[in-house]
């Protein structure tokens, strides 16, 4: 005779998937819907109902699994930023021992290849996420500090190799991040800004020049 424990286990498993697995799948569909809608219509113009319809998820599940549009936006950009940072660190590891200009170019290209893989991701990462709320801004500051720490570490390493001047690089790192954000916004909004024919190559070349000059002048 089935026990209450076995009945509970059966309720938790549906279609061969556990409740946790189904929840993960719903969250992934919502993140994908957020990329499409936030990246084309914009964050403020996208409702929870539209997100749920696109993801084929009930509003009840949305609130249970995600909680708010802000949290969904953070989840989306967190995913993209984490992958971009990992790709950039892999590029730095792969160019260990190469001249500083090569390492800089490869690292930023690897990062932007993820966050700017298409206009939707670029718009979400560099336009829609800005100024949404204090909660989202706090999340952005946290990532800015982490990325700045990587830039400072690489600058300090360049000093030790004799490729850069010995000075304090924290503000320089923040300035570099600001420049990357601004240039990526040009790419994200190229269709809306007259004469803004910016490419990923343009951005990477400009950032490489800027960082090289900032480390050596």
Protein backbone atom coordinates (compact mmCIF):
# COMPACT_ATOMS: atom_id res chain seq x y z
CA UNK A 1 0.00 0.00 0.00
CA UNK A 2 1.48 3.42 -0.98
CA UNK A 3 2.63 5.55 1.93
CA UNK A 4 2.01 9.28 2.30
CA UNK A 5 5.71 9.73 1.66
CA UNK A 6 5.60 7.90 -1.68
CA UNK A 7 2.47 9.83 -2.70
CA UNK A 8 4.26 13.09 -1.97
CA UNK A 9 7.19 11.96 -4.11
CA UNK A 10 4.82 11.16 -6.97
CA UNK A 11 3.29 14.62 -6.73
CA UNK A 12 6.73 16.16 -6.89
CA UNK A 13 7.59 14.32 -10.10
CA UNK A 14 5.55 15.10 -13.22
CA UNK A 15 6.42 14.13 -16.77
CA UNK A 16 9.66 12.60 -15.58
CA UNK A 17 10.84 15.88 -14.04
CA UNK A 18 10.98 17.00 -10.44
CA UNK A 19 9.39 20.21 -9.19
CA UNK A 20 12.86 21.77 -8.98
CA UNK A 21 13.62 20.81 -12.59
CA UNK A 22 10.31 22.25 -13.79
CA UNK A 23 11.02 25.44 -11.86
CA UNK A 24 14.46 25.72 -13.47
CA UNK A 25 12.91 25.27 -16.91
CA UNK A 26 10.31 27.99 -16.24
CA UNK A 27 13.03 30.36 -15.06
CA UNK A 28 15.09 29.69 -18.19
CA UNK A 29 12.06 30.38 -20.41
CA UNK A 30 11.42 33.62 -18.55
CA UNK A 31 15.05 34.71 -18.93
CA UNK A 32 14.85 33.94 -22.65
CA UNK A 33 11.61 35.92 -22.88
CA UNK A 34 13.26 38.81 -21.04
CA UNK A 35 16.13 38.88 -23.52
CA UNK A 36 13.69 39.08 -26.41
CA UNK A 37 11.27 41.61 -24.92
CA UNK A 38 13.62 43.80 -22.87
CA UNK A 39 16.05 43.70 -25.79
CA UNK A 40 13.50 44.83 -28.39
CA UNK A 41 10.62 46.63 -26.66
CA UNK A 42 12.57 47.82 -23.61
CA UNK A 43 12.26 47.10 -19.88
CA UNK A 44 9.72 49.81 -19.06
CA UNK A 45 7.51 48.88 -22.03
CA UNK A 46 7.36 45.18 -21.12
CA UNK A 47 4.72 43.92 -18.70
CA UNK A 48 4.78 40.81 -16.55
CA UNK A 49 1.82 39.50 -18.56
CA UNK A 50 3.79 39.85 -21.80
CA UNK A 51 6.77 38.04 -20.28
CA UNK A 52 4.58 35.22 -19.04
CA UNK A 53 2.78 34.88 -22.38
CA UNK A 54 6.05 34.74 -24.30
CA UNK A 55 7.55 32.22 -21.86
CA UNK A 56 4.31 30.20 -21.59
CA UNK A 57 4.43 30.58 -17.81
CA UNK A 58 1.57 31.51 -15.48
CA UNK A 59 1.75 34.79 -13.56
CA UNK A 60 1.55 32.78 -10.35
CA UNK A 61 4.65 30.82 -11.35
CA UNK A 62 6.36 34.09 -12.31
CA UNK A 63 5.97 35.49 -8.81
CA UNK A 64 6.91 32.18 -7.20
CA UNK A 65 9.98 31.57 -9.37
CA UNK A 66 11.23 35.11 -10.03
CA UNK A 67 9.33 37.65 -7.95
CA UNK A 68 9.54 40.85 -10.02
CA UNK A 69 10.59 42.33 -13.34
CA UNK A 70 13.66 43.84 -11.62
CA UNK A 71 14.79 40.43 -10.40
CA UNK A 72 14.24 38.96 -13.86
CA UNK A 73 16.33 41.75 -15.41
CA UNK A 74 19.10 41.13 -12.89
CA UNK A 75 18.96 37.37 -13.54
CA UNK A 76 19.29 37.96 -17.30
CA UNK A 77 22.19 40.43 -17.09
CA UNK A 78 23.87 38.38 -14.34
CA UNK A 79 23.87 35.40 -16.68
CA UNK A 80 25.34 37.39 -19.57
CA UNK A 81 27.88 39.25 -17.42
CA UNK A 82 29.07 36.08 -15.69
CA UNK A 83 29.62 34.34 -19.03
CA UNK A 84 31.34 37.42 -20.45
CA UNK A 85 33.69 37.70 -17.48
CA UNK A 86 34.53 34.01 -17.64
CA UNK A 87 35.27 34.32 -21.37
CA UNK A 88 37.47 37.37 -20.75
CA UNK A 89 39.46 35.60 -18.02
CA UNK A 90 39.96 32.64 -20.35
CA UNK A 91 41.30 35.05 -23.00
CA UNK A 92 43.73 36.53 -20.50
CA UNK A 93 44.91 33.06 -19.51
CA UNK A 94 45.35 32.07 -23.15
CA UNK A 95 47.49 35.16 -23.88
CA UNK A 96 49.71 34.85 -20.83
CA UNK A 97 53.17 36.16 -21.73
CA UNK A 98 51.94 38.09 -24.79
CA UNK A 99 52.44 41.89 -25.07
CA UNK A 100 49.98 43.97 -23.07
CA UNK A 101 48.18 45.36 -26.14
CA UNK A 102 47.38 41.84 -27.37
CA UNK A 103 46.09 40.74 -23.95
CA UNK A 104 43.90 43.84 -23.67
CA UNK A 105 42.45 43.39 -27.14
CA UNK A 106 41.67 39.69 -26.67
CA UNK A 107 40.17 40.18 -23.20
CA UNK A 108 37.78 42.95 -24.19
CA UNK A 109 36.81 41.22 -27.42
CA UNK A 110 35.97 38.04 -25.50
CA UNK A 111 33.85 40.03 -23.00
CA UNK A 112 31.98 42.05 -25.60
CA UNK A 113 31.44 39.03 -27.85
CA UNK A 114 29.09 37.76 -25.14
CA UNK A 115 27.37 40.93 -23.95
CA UNK A 116 27.11 42.32 -27.49
CA UNK A 117 26.46 39.05 -29.31
CA UNK A 118 23.40 40.73 -30.83
CA UNK A 119 21.50 44.00 -30.49
CA UNK A 120 19.17 42.55 -27.87
CA UNK A 121 21.92 41.54 -25.46
CA UNK A 122 23.78 44.82 -26.01
CA UNK A 123 20.64 46.83 -25.32
CA UNK A 124 19.83 44.86 -22.18
CA UNK A 125 23.39 44.94 -20.76
CA UNK A 126 24.21 48.57 -21.54
CA UNK A 127 20.93 50.48 -21.90
CA UNK A 128 17.92 48.87 -20.24
CA UNK A 129 19.73 47.92 -17.03
CA UNK A 130 20.81 51.51 -16.31
CA UNK A 131 18.85 53.58 -13.78
CA UNK A 132 16.03 51.10 -13.30
CA UNK A 133 15.95 51.22 -9.50
CA UNK A 134 18.22 51.41 -6.42
CA UNK A 135 18.20 47.60 -6.24
CA UNK A 136 19.41 47.20 -9.81
CA UNK A 137 21.96 50.01 -9.37
CA UNK A 138 23.36 48.26 -6.30
CA UNK A 139 23.74 45.08 -8.35
CA UNK A 140 25.50 47.06 -11.09
CA UNK A 141 27.91 48.62 -8.59
CA UNK A 142 28.77 45.17 -7.28
CA UNK A 143 29.70 43.94 -10.75
CA UNK A 144 31.58 47.17 -11.50
CA UNK A 145 33.79 46.60 -8.46
CA UNK A 146 34.49 43.00 -9.46
CA UNK A 147 35.42 43.90 -13.01
CA UNK A 148 37.45 46.89 -11.82
CA UNK A 149 39.42 44.54 -9.58
CA UNK A 150 40.38 42.46 -12.63
CA UNK A 151 41.51 45.58 -14.52
CA UNK A 152 43.55 46.77 -11.52
CA UNK A 153 45.17 43.35 -11.17
CA UNK A 154 46.13 43.27 -14.85
CA UNK A 155 47.45 46.84 -14.68
CA UNK A 156 49.53 45.99 -11.61
CA UNK A 157 50.87 42.90 -13.35
CA UNK A 158 51.81 45.06 -16.34
CA UNK A 159 53.72 47.35 -13.97
CA UNK A 160 55.64 44.37 -12.62
CA UNK A 161 56.55 43.33 -16.18
CA UNK A 162 57.75 46.84 -16.95
CA UNK A 163 54.94 47.49 -19.45
CA UNK A 164 53.09 50.12 -17.45
CA UNK A 165 53.78 53.04 -15.13
CA UNK A 166 53.52 52.46 -11.40
CA UNK A 167 50.49 54.38 -10.10
CA UNK A 168 47.08 53.91 -8.50
CA UNK A 169 44.77 52.28 -11.07
CA UNK A 170 41.37 51.99 -9.37
CA UNK A 171 39.89 55.17 -10.88
CA UNK A 172 41.45 54.25 -14.21
CA UNK A 173 39.67 50.89 -14.05
CA UNK A 174 36.32 52.57 -13.37
CA UNK A 175 36.95 54.99 -16.26
CA UNK A 176 37.66 52.06 -18.59
CA UNK A 177 34.42 50.35 -17.55
CA UNK A 178 32.52 53.59 -18.18
CA UNK A 179 34.08 53.90 -21.62
CA UNK A 180 33.18 50.32 -22.51
CA UNK A 181 29.60 50.92 -21.37
CA UNK A 182 29.28 54.11 -23.42
CA UNK A 183 30.74 52.58 -26.57
CA UNK A 184 28.56 49.49 -26.21
CA UNK A 185 25.53 51.78 -25.92
CA UNK A 186 26.44 53.21 -29.30
CA UNK A 187 26.38 49.69 -30.71
CA UNK A 188 23.11 48.83 -28.98
CA UNK A 189 21.38 51.98 -30.23
CA UNK A 190 22.98 52.14 -33.67
CA UNK A 191 19.59 51.84 -35.36
CA UNK A 192 18.23 54.78 -33.36
CA UNK A 193 21.20 57.17 -33.52
CA UNK A 194 21.82 58.92 -36.83
CA UNK A 195 25.27 58.17 -38.21
CA UNK A 196 26.11 55.63 -35.48
CA UNK A 197 27.62 52.85 -37.59
CA UNK A 198 29.63 51.32 -34.75
CA UNK A 199 30.96 47.76 -34.89
CA UNK A 200 32.43 45.44 -32.29
CA UNK A 201 35.80 45.84 -34.02
CA UNK A 202 35.56 49.62 -33.65
CA UNK A 203 34.85 49.34 -29.93
CA UNK A 204 37.65 46.85 -29.25
CA UNK A 205 40.17 48.93 -31.19
CA UNK A 206 39.21 52.13 -29.35
CA UNK A 207 39.32 50.50 -25.92
CA UNK A 208 42.70 48.92 -26.66
CA UNK A 209 44.11 52.33 -27.62
CA UNK A 210 42.63 53.94 -24.52
CA UNK A 211 43.86 51.31 -22.07
CA UNK A 212 47.32 51.10 -23.63
CA UNK A 213 47.69 54.88 -23.43
CA UNK A 214 46.37 54.99 -19.88
CA UNK A 215 48.89 52.40 -18.73
CA UNK A 216 51.93 53.86 -20.44
CA UNK A 217 51.55 57.65 -20.58
